[in-house]
């Protein structure tokens, strides 16, 4: 699995993501296990993405979550 998918499963605690399928997920703090926010999550598997690479998109619902994260 790619780093983007591994990070996504770790932050959401969901084990399986299908490419190009939109999920309503919860994002957790990896250190404290506290719930941070809910968001819409989609994983685009390369080379069938806009950039040709694996891409994870998170769309927050409550605007409390700001993610600045670099994925491989």
Foldseek 3Di string as FASTA:
>chain_A
DFQVVVVVCQQFVDDDADAPDKDWTWGADNPPRHTQFIWIKHWHPAPRDPVRHIDIDTGTDPPRDDDDDDTD
